[in-house]
């Protein structure tokens, strides 16, 4: 997956975790949280949403994928993801 994400210059950081499910634990559900580097005029919800939808359809995981942008509205989510060991799977230098 790291290789897939490297192809997107808009991604600064990416975190991936597998959600532990109470029901249907045999069907994996992954959360991909990405911190984007979009120009200020493209940070409006529409462009960000379009990019996230594209990622969901382009990135392959063995199961379901939920993707979220870590922007100023999701600071708490970013803190949570940073606290999960080994969740940071990509960081652009």
C-alpha atoms as a PDB file:
ATOM      1  CA  UNK A   1       0.000   0.000   0.000  1.00  0.00           C
ATOM      2  CA  UNK A   2       2.899   2.334   0.731  1.00  0.00           C
ATOM      3  CA  UNK A   3       3.912   2.066  -2.916  1.00  0.00           C
ATOM      4  CA  UNK A   4       0.387   2.957  -4.030  1.00  0.00           C
ATOM      5  CA  UNK A   5       0.293   6.035  -1.797  1.00  0.00           C
ATOM      6  CA  UNK A   6       3.709   7.270  -2.946  1.00  0.00           C
ATOM      7  CA  UNK A   7       2.158   8.015  -6.325  1.00  0.00           C
ATOM      8  CA  UNK A   8      -0.002  10.767  -4.847  1.00  0.00           C
ATOM      9  CA  UNK A   9       1.861  14.034  -4.313  1.00  0.00           C
ATOM     10  CA  UNK A  10      -1.104  15.404  -2.370  1.00  0.00           C
ATOM     11  CA  UNK A  11      -0.531  13.009   0.538  1.00  0.00           C
ATOM     12  CA  UNK A  12       1.734  14.220   3.366  1.00  0.00           C
ATOM     13  CA  UNK A  13       1.066  11.384   5.807  1.00  0.00           C
ATOM     14  CA  UNK A  14      -0.997   8.221   5.791  1.00  0.00           C
ATOM     15  CA  UNK A  15      -2.127   6.097   8.720  1.00  0.00           C
ATOM     16  CA  UNK A  16      -3.671   2.652   8.398  1.00  0.00           C
ATOM     17  CA  UNK A  17      -5.385   0.635  11.113  1.00  0.00           C
ATOM     18  CA  UNK A  18      -7.554  -2.446  11.121  1.00  0.00           C
ATOM     19  CA  UNK A  19     -10.768  -2.007  13.045  1.00  0.00           C
ATOM     20  CA  UNK A  20     -11.585  -4.761  15.498  1.00  0.00           C
ATOM     21  CA  UNK A  21     -15.142  -5.831  14.761  1.00  0.00           C
ATOM     22  CA  UNK A  22     -17.533  -7.434  17.203  1.00  0.00           C
ATOM     23  CA  UNK A  23     -19.695  -8.807  14.409  1.00  0.00           C
ATOM     24  CA  UNK A  24     -18.181 -10.467  11.334  1.00  0.00           C
ATOM     25  CA  UNK A  25     -14.569 -10.344  12.563  1.00  0.00           C
ATOM     26  CA  UNK A  26     -13.579 -12.479   9.572  1.00  0.00           C
ATOM     27  CA  UNK A  27     -14.398  -9.544   7.255  1.00  0.00           C
ATOM     28  CA  UNK A  28     -11.562  -7.044   7.727  1.00  0.00           C
ATOM     29  CA  UNK A  29     -12.323  -3.331   7.873  1.00  0.00           C
ATOM     30  CA  UNK A  30      -9.449  -0.892   7.474  1.00  0.00           C
ATOM     31  CA  UNK A  31      -9.339   2.827   8.188  1.00  0.00           C
ATOM     32  CA  UNK A  32      -6.978   4.865   6.031  1.00  0.00           C
ATOM     33  CA  UNK A  33      -6.462   8.386   7.324  1.00  0.00           C
ATOM     34  CA  UNK A  34      -4.489  10.767   5.139  1.00  0.00           C
ATOM     35  CA  UNK A  35      -3.101  14.207   5.796  1.00  0.00           C
ATOM     36  CA  UNK A  36      -3.256  16.128   2.548  1.00  0.00           C
ATOM     37  CA  UNK A  37      -1.157  18.939   1.155  1.00  0.00           C
ATOM     38  CA  UNK A  38      -3.660  20.747  -1.041  1.00  0.00           C
ATOM     39  CA  UNK A  39      -3.423  24.391  -2.133  1.00  0.00           C
ATOM     40  CA  UNK A  40      -5.647  26.599   0.028  1.00  0.00           C
ATOM     41  CA  UNK A  41      -8.141  27.104  -2.807  1.00  0.00           C
ATOM     42  CA  UNK A  42      -8.571  23.315  -3.181  1.00  0.00           C
ATOM     43  CA  UNK A  43      -9.057  22.603   0.507  1.00  0.00           C
ATOM     44  CA  UNK A  44     -12.771  23.149   0.224  1.00  0.00           C
ATOM     45  CA  UNK A  45     -14.756  20.044   1.061  1.00  0.00           C
ATOM     46  CA  UNK A  46     -15.541  19.137  -2.554  1.00  0.00           C
ATOM     47  CA  UNK A  47     -11.943  18.729  -3.767  1.00  0.00           C
ATOM     48  CA  UNK A  48     -10.942  16.940  -0.592  1.00  0.00           C
ATOM     49  CA  UNK A  49     -13.960  14.629  -0.847  1.00  0.00           C
ATOM     50  CA  UNK A  50     -13.234  13.887  -4.504  1.00  0.00           C
ATOM     51  CA  UNK A  51      -9.667  12.930  -3.630  1.00  0.00           C
ATOM     52  CA  UNK A  52     -10.788  10.683  -0.761  1.00  0.00           C
ATOM     53  CA  UNK A  53     -13.355   8.950  -2.998  1.00  0.00           C
ATOM     54  CA  UNK A  54     -10.653   8.385  -5.593  1.00  0.00           C
ATOM     55  CA  UNK A  55      -8.380   6.821  -2.951  1.00  0.00           C
ATOM     56  CA  UNK A  56     -11.131   4.475  -1.772  1.00  0.00           C
ATOM     57  CA  UNK A  57     -11.594   3.164  -5.295  1.00  0.00           C
ATOM     58  CA  UNK A  58      -7.875   3.052  -6.184  1.00  0.00           C
ATOM     59  CA  UNK A  59      -6.242   1.593  -3.067  1.00  0.00           C
ATOM     60  CA  UNK A  60      -6.527  -2.167  -2.639  1.00  0.00           C
ATOM     61  CA  UNK A  61      -6.827  -3.886   0.721  1.00  0.00           C
ATOM     62  CA  UNK A  62      -7.989  -7.404   1.626  1.00  0.00           C
ATOM     63  CA  UNK A  63     -11.393  -6.271   2.881  1.00  0.00           C
ATOM     64  CA  UNK A  64     -13.337  -3.036   3.210  1.00  0.00           C
ATOM     65  CA  UNK A  65     -11.659   0.379   3.293  1.00  0.00           C
ATOM     66  CA  UNK A  66     -12.861   3.513   5.039  1.00  0.00           C
ATOM     67  CA  UNK A  67     -10.879   6.644   4.217  1.00  0.00           C
ATOM     68  CA  UNK A  68     -10.808   9.995   5.988  1.00  0.00           C
ATOM     69  CA  UNK A  69      -8.883  13.232   5.422  1.00  0.00           C
ATOM     70  CA  UNK A  70      -7.014  14.523   8.438  1.00  0.00           C
ATOM     71  CA  UNK A  71      -7.649  18.224   8.116  1.00  0.00           C
ATOM     72  CA  UNK A  72      -8.189  21.007  10.644  1.00  0.00           C
ATOM     73  CA  UNK A  73     -11.654  19.621  11.433  1.00  0.00           C
ATOM     74  CA  UNK A  74     -10.220  16.190  12.303  1.00  0.00           C
ATOM     75  CA  UNK A  75      -7.339  17.119  14.605  1.00  0.00           C
ATOM     76  CA  UNK A  76      -8.570  14.727  17.277  1.00  0.00           C
ATOM     77  CA  UNK A  77      -8.597  11.830  14.794  1.00  0.00           C
ATOM     78  CA  UNK A  78      -4.997  12.620  13.850  1.00  0.00           C
ATOM     79  CA  UNK A  79      -3.983  12.526  17.512  1.00  0.00           C
ATOM     80  CA  UNK A  80      -5.709   9.167  17.909  1.00  0.00           C
ATOM     81  CA  UNK A  81      -4.004   7.722  14.831  1.00  0.00           C
ATOM     82  CA  UNK A  82      -0.599   8.965  15.989  1.00  0.00           C
ATOM     83  CA  UNK A  83      -1.168   7.096  19.235  1.00  0.00           C
ATOM     84  CA  UNK A  84      -1.703   3.737  17.525  1.00  0.00           C
ATOM     85  CA  UNK A  85       1.631   1.885  17.291  1.00  0.00           C
ATOM     86  CA  UNK A  86       2.866   1.306  13.721  1.00  0.00           C
ATOM     87  CA  UNK A  87      -0.130   3.069  12.164  1.00  0.00           C
ATOM     88  CA  UNK A  88       1.976   5.585  10.199  1.00  0.00           C
ATOM     89  CA  UNK A  89       2.568   3.804   6.898  1.00  0.00           C
ATOM     90  CA  UNK A  90       3.694   6.720   4.736  1.00  0.00           C
ATOM     91  CA  UNK A  91       5.275  10.112   5.306  1.00  0.00           C
ATOM     92  CA  UNK A  92       6.477  12.335   2.504  1.00  0.00           C
ATOM     93  CA  UNK A  93       9.805  13.950   3.234  1.00  0.00           C
END
